[in-house]
Protein backbone atom coordinates (compact mmCIF):
# COMPACT_ATOMS: atom_id res chain seq x y z
CA MET A 1 19.36 -3.54 8.85
CA PHE A 2 16.20 -5.13 7.43
CA THR A 3 14.76 -3.30 4.41
CA THR A 4 11.07 -3.55 3.58
CA VAL A 5 9.29 -2.12 0.58
CA LEU A 6 5.82 -1.16 1.80
CA MET A 7 3.05 -0.71 -0.78
CA ILE A 8 0.08 1.28 0.49
CA GLU A 9 -2.96 3.05 -0.94
CA LYS A 10 -4.02 5.16 2.06
CA PRO A 11 -2.22 6.77 5.02
CA LEU A 12 -0.95 4.47 7.72
CA VAL A 13 -2.92 4.48 10.96
CA PRO A 14 -1.13 3.89 14.30
CA THR A 15 -2.17 0.22 14.40
CA ASP A 16 -0.60 -0.39 10.98
CA VAL A 17 2.57 1.48 11.93
CA GLU A 18 2.94 -0.66 15.03
CA LEU A 19 2.29 -3.84 13.04
CA VAL A 20 4.89 -3.25 10.33
CA THR A 21 7.55 -1.83 12.64
CA THR A 22 7.39 -4.74 15.10
CA LEU A 23 7.24 -7.65 12.63
CA HIS A 24 10.95 -8.32 13.03
CA GLY A 25 11.29 -7.89 16.77
CA GLU A 26 14.18 -5.73 17.85
CA GLU A 27 15.93 -5.78 14.47
CA GLU A 28 16.53 -2.34 12.99
CA VAL A 29 14.25 -1.74 9.99
CA SER A 30 13.95 0.75 7.18
CA PHE A 31 11.07 1.22 4.78
CA VAL A 32 10.69 2.31 1.21
CA VAL A 33 7.04 3.29 0.95
CA LEU A 34 5.27 3.23 -2.40
CA MET A 35 1.86 4.85 -2.54
CA GLN A 36 -0.48 4.80 -5.50
CA PRO A 37 -3.13 7.51 -5.52
CA ARG A 38 -6.64 6.17 -5.80
CA GLY A 39 -8.23 7.26 -9.04
CA ARG A 40 -10.85 6.41 -11.60
CA GLN A 41 -8.92 3.37 -12.97
CA ASP A 42 -10.19 1.08 -10.23
CA ARG A 43 -13.49 2.72 -9.27
CA LEU A 44 -15.65 -0.20 -10.47
CA LEU A 45 -13.51 -2.76 -8.63
CA ARG A 46 -13.65 -0.67 -5.44
CA ALA A 47 -17.43 -0.45 -5.68
CA LEU A 48 -17.69 -4.23 -6.19
CA ASP A 49 -15.42 -4.80 -3.19
CA ASP A 50 -17.58 -2.49 -1.08
CA VAL A 51 -20.73 -4.40 -2.05
CA ALA A 52 -19.04 -7.77 -1.37
CA LEU A 53 -17.97 -6.54 2.08
CA GLY A 54 -21.47 -5.26 2.84
CA GLU A 55 -20.37 -1.63 2.81
CA LEU A 56 -23.19 -0.39 0.60
CA GLU A 57 -22.91 3.21 1.77
CA GLN A 58 -19.26 3.29 0.68
CA ALA A 59 -20.14 1.75 -2.71
CA VAL A 60 -22.67 4.52 -3.33
CA HIS A 61 -20.02 7.17 -2.65
CA GLU A 62 -17.26 5.76 -4.89
CA ALA A 63 -18.14 8.46 -7.45
CA ASP A 64 -17.10 11.04 -4.84
CA GLU A 65 -13.50 9.79 -4.85
CA PRO A 66 -11.06 12.15 -6.62
CA GLU A 67 -10.15 11.55 -10.25
CA ASP A 68 -6.59 10.55 -11.18
CA GLY A 69 -5.30 14.12 -11.51
CA ASP A 70 -7.09 15.28 -8.38
CA ALA A 71 -5.84 12.34 -6.30
CA ALA A 72 -2.14 13.29 -6.34
CA GLN A 73 -2.21 16.02 -3.68
CA PRO A 74 -4.16 13.99 -1.06
CA ALA A 75 -1.89 11.02 -1.80
CA ARG A 76 1.22 13.17 -1.34
CA LEU A 77 -0.07 14.32 2.07
CA ALA A 78 -0.95 10.72 3.00
CA LEU A 79 2.55 9.58 2.02
CA GLU A 80 4.18 12.34 4.09
CA HIS A 81 2.01 11.41 7.07
CA SER A 82 2.94 7.72 6.70
CA LEU A 83 6.67 8.43 6.42
CA ARG A 84 6.55 10.70 9.49
CA SER A 85 4.67 8.03 11.45
CA LEU A 86 7.26 5.38 10.58
CA ARG A 87 10.18 7.68 11.44
CA GLU A 88 8.65 8.50 14.83
CA THR A 89 9.16 4.83 15.77
CA GLY A 90 12.88 5.09 15.00
CA ALA A 91 12.62 3.30 11.65
CA GLY A 92 14.18 4.71 8.52
CA ALA A 93 11.62 5.69 5.90
CA GLU A 94 11.64 7.14 2.42
CA GLY A 95 8.96 6.97 -0.20
CA ARG A 96 7.34 8.15 -3.36
CA LEU A 97 4.09 8.20 -5.24
CA ILE A 98 3.68 5.77 -8.09
CA ASP A 99 1.39 6.33 -11.00
CA LYS A 100 0.42 3.99 -13.79
CA HIS A 101 2.55 0.87 -13.29
CA PRO A 102 2.86 -0.08 -9.62
CA LEU A 103 4.49 -3.47 -10.22
CA ASP A 104 7.16 -2.03 -12.51
CA ALA A 105 7.94 0.56 -9.83
CA LEU A 106 7.98 -2.17 -7.18
CA LYS A 107 10.46 -4.34 -9.11
CA SER A 108 12.74 -1.37 -9.65
CA VAL A 109 12.65 -0.28 -5.99
CA VAL A 110 13.22 -3.82 -4.69
CA ALA A 111 16.29 -4.18 -6.90
CA ARG A 112 17.67 -0.70 -6.18
CA SER A 113 17.20 -0.91 -2.41
CA ASN A 114 18.26 -4.55 -2.00
CA ALA A 115 14.99 -5.08 -0.15
CA ASP A 116 14.58 -8.13 2.06
CA GLU A 117 10.79 -8.27 1.67
CA VAL A 118 7.71 -6.57 0.30
CA ILE A 119 4.63 -5.86 2.41
CA VAL A 120 1.42 -5.01 0.60
CA LEU A 121 -0.79 -3.22 3.12
CA THR A 122 -4.17 -2.34 1.62
CA ALA A 123 -7.86 -2.68 2.27
CA PRO A 124 -9.36 -5.99 1.14
CA HIS A 125 -9.86 -6.17 -2.62
CA LEU A 126 -12.00 -9.26 -2.88
CA VAL A 127 -12.60 -9.21 -6.63
CA GLU A 128 -8.94 -8.70 -7.53
CA GLU A 129 -7.77 -11.19 -4.90
CA PHE A 130 -10.21 -13.84 -6.12
CA PHE A 131 -8.73 -13.60 -9.61
CA HIS A 132 -5.16 -13.16 -8.26
CA ARG A 133 -4.88 -9.75 -9.90
CA ASP A 134 -4.07 -7.86 -6.68
CA TRP A 135 -0.63 -6.35 -6.05
CA ALA A 136 0.53 -9.08 -3.70
CA SER A 137 -0.45 -11.99 -5.94
CA ARG A 138 1.16 -10.44 -8.98
CA ALA A 139 4.28 -9.29 -7.11
CA ARG A 140 5.03 -12.77 -5.75
CA HIS A 141 5.96 -13.89 -9.25
CA GLN A 142 8.05 -10.87 -10.14
CA VAL A 143 10.16 -9.41 -7.35
CA GLY A 144 12.37 -12.24 -6.10
CA VAL A 145 11.83 -11.56 -2.37
CA PRO A 146 9.08 -12.70 0.01
CA VAL A 147 5.80 -10.81 -0.34
CA LEU A 148 3.52 -10.48 2.69
CA ARG A 149 -0.13 -9.45 2.26
CA LEU A 150 -1.64 -7.55 5.21
CA PHE A 151 -4.99 -5.81 5.52
CA ALA A 152 -4.90 -2.16 6.49
CA HIS A 153 -6.85 -1.06 9.54
CA ALA A 154 -9.53 1.59 9.41
CA GLU A 155 -9.13 4.73 11.49
């Protein structure tokens, strides 16, 4: 069995589920999904990314995103949806929300689950990626397994 730690920030859409579950052909896969609720800590970076991507309407509405405490319940529902979607393909899937230190959680989960790889599946974060401060760039130097960066699809 091939074990993948999947880091996400929004619920998986069918295209993303198909992508991650078919990466290894017919090999049986299981996922440990880590989801970090979106909160105020990265609001400025998200707005800058929106502007850089030409999504000005989205940048204007970044203030409408839930605060850290308010983001947990939607994130929990998004995680449950993502786990259910993965399981419906026949893959094993477990997961949890992460809070303040996503890379510390990632290192711990990779070690505990004997993961074969990490997939970071998020929207483009141009500012963070430019400065190599995104999850994938930072994880490559810390987890000891291959890290694949994929862009999440919109609904």
